[in-house]
C-alpha atoms as a PDB file:
ATOM      1  CA  UNK A   1      -3.011  19.568  -2.105  1.00  0.00           C
ATOM      2  CA  UNK A   2      -3.431  21.874   0.892  1.00  0.00           C
ATOM      3  CA  UNK A   3      -6.900  22.586   2.250  1.00  0.00           C
ATOM      4  CA  UNK A   4      -8.206  24.607   5.184  1.00  0.00           C
ATOM      5  CA  UNK A   5     -10.422  22.413   7.368  1.00  0.00           C
ATOM      6  CA  UNK A   6     -13.769  22.999   9.022  1.00  0.00           C
ATOM      7  CA  UNK A   7     -14.142  20.223  11.648  1.00  0.00           C
ATOM      8  CA  UNK A   8     -17.720  18.943  12.051  1.00  0.00           C
ATOM      9  CA  UNK A   9     -19.288  15.936  13.789  1.00  0.00           C
ATOM     10  CA  UNK A  10     -20.959  14.649  10.638  1.00  0.00           C
ATOM     11  CA  UNK A  11     -20.067  12.732   7.513  1.00  0.00           C
ATOM     12  CA  UNK A  12     -20.535  14.383   4.142  1.00  0.00           C
ATOM     13  CA  UNK A  13     -19.984  12.370   0.974  1.00  0.00           C
ATOM     14  CA  UNK A  14     -19.397  13.471  -2.633  1.00  0.00           C
ATOM     15  CA  UNK A  15     -22.598  14.881  -4.109  1.00  0.00           C
ATOM     16  CA  UNK A  16     -23.887  15.790  -0.660  1.00  0.00           C
ATOM     17  CA  UNK A  17     -24.894  19.354   0.123  1.00  0.00           C
ATOM     18  CA  UNK A  18     -24.868  21.152   3.447  1.00  0.00           C
ATOM     19  CA  UNK A  19     -25.956  24.624   4.659  1.00  0.00           C
ATOM     20  CA  UNK A  20     -23.451  26.170   7.094  1.00  0.00           C
ATOM     21  CA  UNK A  21     -23.561  29.137   9.457  1.00  0.00           C
ATOM     22  CA  UNK A  22     -20.176  30.883   9.500  1.00  0.00           C
ATOM     23  CA  UNK A  23     -19.346  33.210  12.384  1.00  0.00           C
ATOM     24  CA  UNK A  24     -15.857  32.555  13.786  1.00  0.00           C
ATOM     25  CA  UNK A  25     -13.290  34.930  12.208  1.00  0.00           C
ATOM     26  CA  UNK A  26     -10.984  32.040  11.190  1.00  0.00           C
ATOM     27  CA  UNK A  27     -13.794  30.404   9.229  1.00  0.00           C
ATOM     28  CA  UNK A  28     -14.880  33.698   7.650  1.00  0.00           C
ATOM     29  CA  UNK A  29     -11.261  33.951   6.448  1.00  0.00           C
ATOM     30  CA  UNK A  30     -11.380  30.337   5.217  1.00  0.00           C
ATOM     31  CA  UNK A  31     -14.557  31.027   3.199  1.00  0.00           C
ATOM     32  CA  UNK A  32     -13.043  34.186   1.728  1.00  0.00           C
ATOM     33  CA  UNK A  33      -9.879  32.324   0.683  1.00  0.00           C
ATOM     34  CA  UNK A  34     -11.862  29.388  -0.701  1.00  0.00           C
ATOM     35  CA  UNK A  35     -14.067  31.617  -2.839  1.00  0.00           C
ATOM     36  CA  UNK A  36     -10.998  33.444  -4.248  1.00  0.00           C
ATOM     37  CA  UNK A  37      -8.856  30.364  -4.917  1.00  0.00           C
ATOM     38  CA  UNK A  38     -11.525  28.082  -6.337  1.00  0.00           C
ATOM     39  CA  UNK A  39     -10.026  25.056  -4.524  1.00  0.00           C
ATOM     40  CA  UNK A  40     -12.763  24.992  -1.876  1.00  0.00           C
ATOM     41  CA  UNK A  41     -12.033  23.766   1.633  1.00  0.00           C
ATOM     42  CA  UNK A  42     -12.222  20.523   3.568  1.00  0.00           C
ATOM     43  CA  UNK A  43     -14.815  19.206   5.972  1.00  0.00           C
ATOM     44  CA  UNK A  44     -12.796  17.438   8.638  1.00  0.00           C
ATOM     45  CA  UNK A  45     -14.866  14.776  10.339  1.00  0.00           C
ATOM     46  CA  UNK A  46     -14.802  14.630  14.128  1.00  0.00           C
ATOM     47  CA  UNK A  47     -15.446  11.596  16.309  1.00  0.00           C
ATOM     48  CA  UNK A  48     -18.075  11.727  19.061  1.00  0.00           C
ATOM     49  CA  UNK A  49     -17.119  13.768  22.142  1.00  0.00           C
ATOM     50  CA  UNK A  50     -15.383  11.924  24.980  1.00  0.00           C
ATOM     51  CA  UNK A  51     -16.055  12.473  28.726  1.00  0.00           C
ATOM     52  CA  UNK A  52     -13.855  15.604  28.763  1.00  0.00           C
ATOM     53  CA  UNK A  53     -15.683  17.115  25.806  1.00  0.00           C
ATOM     54  CA  UNK A  54     -12.795  16.482  23.378  1.00  0.00           C
ATOM     55  CA  UNK A  55     -13.051  14.928  19.953  1.00  0.00           C
ATOM     56  CA  UNK A  56     -10.485  13.444  17.571  1.00  0.00           C
ATOM     57  CA  UNK A  57     -10.276  14.377  13.905  1.00  0.00           C
ATOM     58  CA  UNK A  58     -10.608  11.393  11.567  1.00  0.00           C
ATOM     59  CA  UNK A  59      -8.095  10.993   8.735  1.00  0.00           C
ATOM     60  CA  UNK A  60     -10.794  10.891   6.034  1.00  0.00           C
ATOM     61  CA  UNK A  61     -12.631  14.057   5.083  1.00  0.00           C
ATOM     62  CA  UNK A  62     -14.372  15.619   2.106  1.00  0.00           C
ATOM     63  CA  UNK A  63     -13.445  18.553  -0.088  1.00  0.00           C
ATOM     64  CA  UNK A  64     -16.339  20.962  -0.691  1.00  0.00           C
ATOM     65  CA  UNK A  65     -17.040  23.895  -2.963  1.00  0.00           C
ATOM     66  CA  UNK A  66     -19.266  26.828  -2.061  1.00  0.00           C
ATOM     67  CA  UNK A  67     -22.386  26.882  -4.240  1.00  0.00           C
ATOM     68  CA  UNK A  68     -24.355  29.659  -2.481  1.00  0.00           C
ATOM     69  CA  UNK A  69     -23.821  32.642  -0.143  1.00  0.00           C
ATOM     70  CA  UNK A  70     -26.566  34.417   1.833  1.00  0.00           C
ATOM     71  CA  UNK A  71     -27.158  36.507   4.945  1.00  0.00           C
ATOM     72  CA  UNK A  72     -28.993  34.679   7.715  1.00  0.00           C
ATOM     73  CA  UNK A  73     -31.806  36.220   9.803  1.00  0.00           C
ATOM     74  CA  UNK A  74     -29.316  36.883  12.618  1.00  0.00           C
ATOM     75  CA  UNK A  75     -27.057  38.828  10.221  1.00  0.00           C
ATOM     76  CA  UNK A  76     -24.403  36.095  10.050  1.00  0.00           C
ATOM     77  CA  UNK A  77     -22.945  34.621   6.879  1.00  0.00           C
ATOM     78  CA  UNK A  78     -24.649  31.525   5.532  1.00  0.00           C
ATOM     79  CA  UNK A  79     -23.201  29.314   2.821  1.00  0.00           C
ATOM     80  CA  UNK A  80     -24.244  26.099   1.127  1.00  0.00           C
ATOM     81  CA  UNK A  81     -21.485  23.709   0.131  1.00  0.00           C
ATOM     82  CA  UNK A  82     -21.405  20.686  -2.145  1.00  0.00           C
ATOM     83  CA  UNK A  83     -18.952  17.850  -1.541  1.00  0.00           C
ATOM     84  CA  UNK A  84     -16.751  17.061  -4.542  1.00  0.00           C
ATOM     85  CA  UNK A  85     -14.414  14.261  -3.386  1.00  0.00           C
ATOM     86  CA  UNK A  86     -13.069  12.414  -0.380  1.00  0.00           C
ATOM     87  CA  UNK A  87      -9.542  12.922   0.889  1.00  0.00           C
ATOM     88  CA  UNK A  88      -7.053  11.360   3.282  1.00  0.00           C
ATOM     89  CA  UNK A  89      -5.159  13.733   5.582  1.00  0.00           C
ATOM     90  CA  UNK A  90      -1.379  13.351   5.270  1.00  0.00           C
ATOM     91  CA  UNK A  91      -0.311  16.117   7.690  1.00  0.00           C
ATOM     92  CA  UNK A  92      -1.915  18.886   9.757  1.00  0.00           C
ATOM     93  CA  UNK A  93      -0.861  22.328  10.938  1.00  0.00           C
ATOM     94  CA  UNK A  94      -2.663  24.869  13.092  1.00  0.00           C
ATOM     95  CA  UNK A  95      -2.390  28.558  12.196  1.00  0.00           C
ATOM     96  CA  UNK A  96      -2.132  31.360  14.762  1.00  0.00           C
ATOM     97  CA  UNK A  97      -5.921  31.964  14.794  1.00  0.00           C
ATOM     98  CA  UNK A  98      -6.606  28.233  15.235  1.00  0.00           C
ATOM     99  CA  UNK A  99      -7.507  27.459  11.601  1.00  0.00           C
ATOM    100  CA  UNK A 100      -6.432  23.928  10.683  1.00  0.00           C
ATOM    101  CA  UNK A 101      -4.730  23.353   7.354  1.00  0.00           C
ATOM    102  CA  UNK A 102      -4.089  19.878   5.990  1.00  0.00           C
ATOM    103  CA  UNK A 103      -1.961  18.353   3.285  1.00  0.00           C
ATOM    104  CA  UNK A 104      -4.403  15.913   1.693  1.00  0.00           C
ATOM    105  CA  UNK A 105      -4.458  13.123  -0.863  1.00  0.00           C
ATOM    106  CA  UNK A 106      -7.629  13.236  -2.983  1.00  0.00           C
ATOM    107  CA  UNK A 107      -9.418   9.889  -3.444  1.00  0.00           C
ATOM    108  CA  UNK A 108     -11.343   8.735  -6.516  1.00  0.00           C
ATOM    109  CA  UNK A 109     -15.110   9.032  -6.280  1.00  0.00           C
ATOM    110  CA  UNK A 110     -17.300   5.945  -6.205  1.00  0.00           C
ATOM    111  CA  UNK A 111     -18.421   4.933  -9.689  1.00  0.00           C
ATOM    112  CA  UNK A 112     -22.105   5.230 -10.495  1.00  0.00           C
ATOM    113  CA  UNK A 113     -23.871   1.894 -10.845  1.00  0.00           C
ATOM    114  CA  UNK A 114     -27.488   0.802 -10.966  1.00  0.00           C
ATOM    115  CA  UNK A 115     -29.329  -0.497  -7.926  1.00  0.00           C
ATOM    116  CA  UNK A 116     -30.489  -4.097  -8.345  1.00  0.00           C
ATOM    117  CA  UNK A 117     -34.239  -4.750  -7.993  1.00  0.00           C
ATOM    118  CA  UNK A 118     -33.467  -6.202  -4.535  1.00  0.00           C
ATOM    119  CA  UNK A 119     -31.602  -3.008  -3.516  1.00  0.00           C
ATOM    120  CA  UNK A 120     -34.274  -0.647  -4.896  1.00  0.00           C
ATOM    121  CA  UNK A 121     -35.886  -0.655  -1.425  1.00  0.00           C
ATOM    122  CA  UNK A 122     -33.029   1.612  -0.249  1.00  0.00           C
ATOM    123  CA  UNK A 123     -34.003   4.191  -2.845  1.00  0.00           C
ATOM    124  CA  UNK A 124     -37.702   3.879  -1.943  1.00  0.00           C
ATOM    125  CA  UNK A 125     -36.956   4.404   1.763  1.00  0.00           C
ATOM    126  CA  UNK A 126     -34.667   7.365   1.014  1.00  0.00           C
ATOM    127  CA  UNK A 127     -37.457   8.969  -1.025  1.00  0.00           C
ATOM    128  CA  UNK A 128     -39.667   8.641   2.071  1.00  0.00           C
ATOM    129  CA  UNK A 129     -36.993  10.393   4.158  1.00  0.00           C
ATOM    130  CA  UNK A 130     -36.781  13.222   1.596  1.00  0.00           C
ATOM    131  CA  UNK A 131     -40.589  13.548   1.637  1.00  0.00           C
ATOM    132  CA  UNK A 132     -40.549  13.782   5.450  1.00  0.00           C
ATOM    133  CA  UNK A 133     -37.679  16.305   5.503  1.00  0.00           C
ATOM    134  CA  UNK A 134     -38.298  18.759   2.638  1.00  0.00           C
ATOM    135  CA  UNK A 135     -35.137  20.683   3.545  1.00  0.00           C
ATOM    136  CA  UNK A 136     -33.161  17.610   2.391  1.00  0.00           C
ATOM    137  CA  UNK A 137     -35.145  17.406  -0.831  1.00  0.00           C
ATOM    138  CA  UNK A 138     -34.535  21.132  -1.433  1.00  0.00           C
ATOM    139  CA  UNK A 139     -30.765  20.554  -1.221  1.00  0.00           C
ATOM    140  CA  UNK A 140     -30.958  17.820  -3.893  1.00  0.00           C
ATOM    141  CA  UNK A 141     -33.297  19.070  -6.654  1.00  0.00           C
ATOM    142  CA  UNK A 142     -31.975  16.433  -9.116  1.00  0.00           C
ATOM    143  CA  UNK A 143     -31.869  13.201  -7.063  1.00  0.00           C
ATOM    144  CA  UNK A 144     -30.338  10.100  -8.683  1.00  0.00           C
ATOM    145  CA  UNK A 145     -32.700   7.512  -7.231  1.00  0.00           C
ATOM    146  CA  UNK A 146     -31.449   4.629  -9.407  1.00  0.00           C
ATOM    147  CA  UNK A 147     -27.733   5.277  -8.794  1.00  0.00           C
ATOM    148  CA  UNK A 148     -26.432   2.929  -6.071  1.00  0.00           C
ATOM    149  CA  UNK A 149     -23.432   5.152  -5.245  1.00  0.00           C
ATOM    150  CA  UNK A 150     -25.563   8.302  -4.874  1.00  0.00           C
ATOM    151  CA  UNK A 151     -28.257   6.593  -2.779  1.00  0.00           C
ATOM    152  CA  UNK A 152     -25.655   4.932  -0.535  1.00  0.00           C
ATOM    153  CA  UNK A 153     -23.805   8.214   0.034  1.00  0.00           C
ATOM    154  CA  UNK A 154     -27.000  10.041   1.031  1.00  0.00           C
ATOM    155  CA  UNK A 155     -27.830   7.257   3.519  1.00  0.00           C
ATOM    156  CA  UNK A 156     -24.359   7.531   5.096  1.00  0.00           C
ATOM    157  CA  UNK A 157     -25.045  11.247   5.603  1.00  0.00           C
ATOM    158  CA  UNK A 158     -28.471  10.916   7.235  1.00  0.00           C
ATOM    159  CA  UNK A 159     -28.099   7.783   9.376  1.00  0.00           C
ATOM    160  CA  UNK A 160     -26.720   8.106  12.925  1.00  0.00           C
ATOM    161  CA  UNK A 161     -23.778   5.759  12.277  1.00  0.00           C
ATOM    162  CA  UNK A 162     -20.833   5.679  14.703  1.00  0.00           C
ATOM    163  CA  UNK A 163     -17.900   7.682  13.376  1.00  0.00           C
ATOM    164  CA  UNK A 164     -15.464   4.758  13.196  1.00  0.00           C
ATOM    165  CA  UNK A 165     -17.878   2.653  11.130  1.00  0.00           C
ATOM    166  CA  UNK A 166     -18.774   5.574   8.860  1.00  0.00           C
ATOM    167  CA  UNK A 167     -15.057   6.132   8.234  1.00  0.00           C
ATOM    168  CA  UNK A 168     -14.513   2.449   7.376  1.00  0.00           C
ATOM    169  CA  UNK A 169     -17.384   2.476   4.874  1.00  0.00           C
ATOM    170  CA  UNK A 170     -16.305   5.840   3.462  1.00  0.00           C
ATOM    171  CA  UNK A 171     -12.739   4.566   2.908  1.00  0.00           C
ATOM    172  CA  UNK A 172     -13.898   1.821   0.522  1.00  0.00           C
ATOM    173  CA  UNK A 173     -13.091   2.079  -3.222  1.00  0.00           C
ATOM    174  CA  UNK A 174     -16.742   1.504  -4.172  1.00  0.00           C
ATOM    175  CA  UNK A 175     -20.205   1.681  -2.638  1.00  0.00           C
ATOM    176  CA  UNK A 176     -20.630  -2.115  -2.445  1.00  0.00           C
ATOM    177  CA  UNK A 177     -19.632  -2.653   1.212  1.00  0.00           C
ATOM    178  CA  UNK A 178     -21.709   0.305   2.422  1.00  0.00           C
ATOM    179  CA  UNK A 179     -24.618  -0.884   0.295  1.00  0.00           C
ATOM    180  CA  UNK A 180     -24.413  -4.363   1.855  1.00  0.00           C
ATOM    181  CA  UNK A 181     -24.298  -2.774   5.324  1.00  0.00           C
ATOM    182  CA  UNK A 182     -27.405  -0.678   4.572  1.00  0.00           C
ATOM    183  CA  UNK A 183     -29.275  -3.723   3.229  1.00  0.00           C
ATOM    184  CA  UNK A 184     -28.388  -5.660   6.402  1.00  0.00           C
ATOM    185  CA  UNK A 185     -29.979  -2.905   8.510  1.00  0.00           C
ATOM    186  CA  UNK A 186     -33.385  -3.325   6.879  1.00  0.00           C
ATOM    187  CA  UNK A 187     -35.924  -5.368   8.795  1.00  0.00           C
ATOM    188  CA  UNK A 188     -36.612  -8.663   6.986  1.00  0.00           C
ATOM    189  CA  UNK A 189     -40.276  -7.778   6.474  1.00  0.00           C
ATOM    190  CA  UNK A 190     -39.352  -4.641   4.541  1.00  0.00           C
ATOM    191  CA  UNK A 191     -37.233  -6.520   2.005  1.00  0.00           C
ATOM    192  CA  UNK A 192     -38.797  -7.587  -1.286  1.00  0.00           C
ATOM    193  CA  UNK A 193     -39.733 -11.232  -1.511  1.00  0.00           C
ATOM    194  CA  UNK A 194     -39.925 -11.789   2.257  1.00  0.00           C
ATOM    195  CA  UNK A 195     -42.882 -13.571   3.808  1.00  0.00           C
ATOM    196  CA  UNK A 196     -45.375 -11.669   5.942  1.00  0.00           C
END
C-alpha cells in the first residue's frame, strides 16, 4: 500500500486521536487526496533533532483517517485524525513539492485483553492524566479503561519516551512488553500490595 506521509516528532498508536494544523501546500494536497481516496495517510515518526537540527524518519509509522475538519481561529485548516493501524516503511520517494510517499506493509493491531488487578494501576493513573488534561479526554469520549492494549497505547503516546525505545515497544506483536515496561516505571509505593 502507498501512503503519503506527514512526519512528526511524536508516536501515535492505533485508537489514538490527534488534532493537526495544516498549512503547507503539500500537506493541504495530502489531506485533499486522503479525504477523496478513503485510504487516509501516514504519520511518519521522526527521531529527536540532532545538533544540526536534522531528524531521521523511523521505519514504523501509523496510518490515520480524518475524522473531523474545521477552520482554526487563524483561518488555517484544522483536522482531527484517528490512528487505524501501524505500518513498516518498505520504500520512500519524495515528490517535487517535498511530499513524502511510502510503500508500506500494514501490521496487525494489538489484541484487546483485560488488565490484571496488579496492572489496573496503569488505568487509574491514566484516568488521572485525562482528568488533568481535559483536551485528551475530549479526544477519547469512549475510553477503554479495562483494555490493556488501549491503556498501553495511550501511555506510549503521552509519555516522553525516547524515539528508539518507543519504536521497539511499538514494533511488538502484542502490548505485553510495553505493559511490562510501563509497570517497571511505577514507583514501588504506587503499586498495589507494596508496603508503606
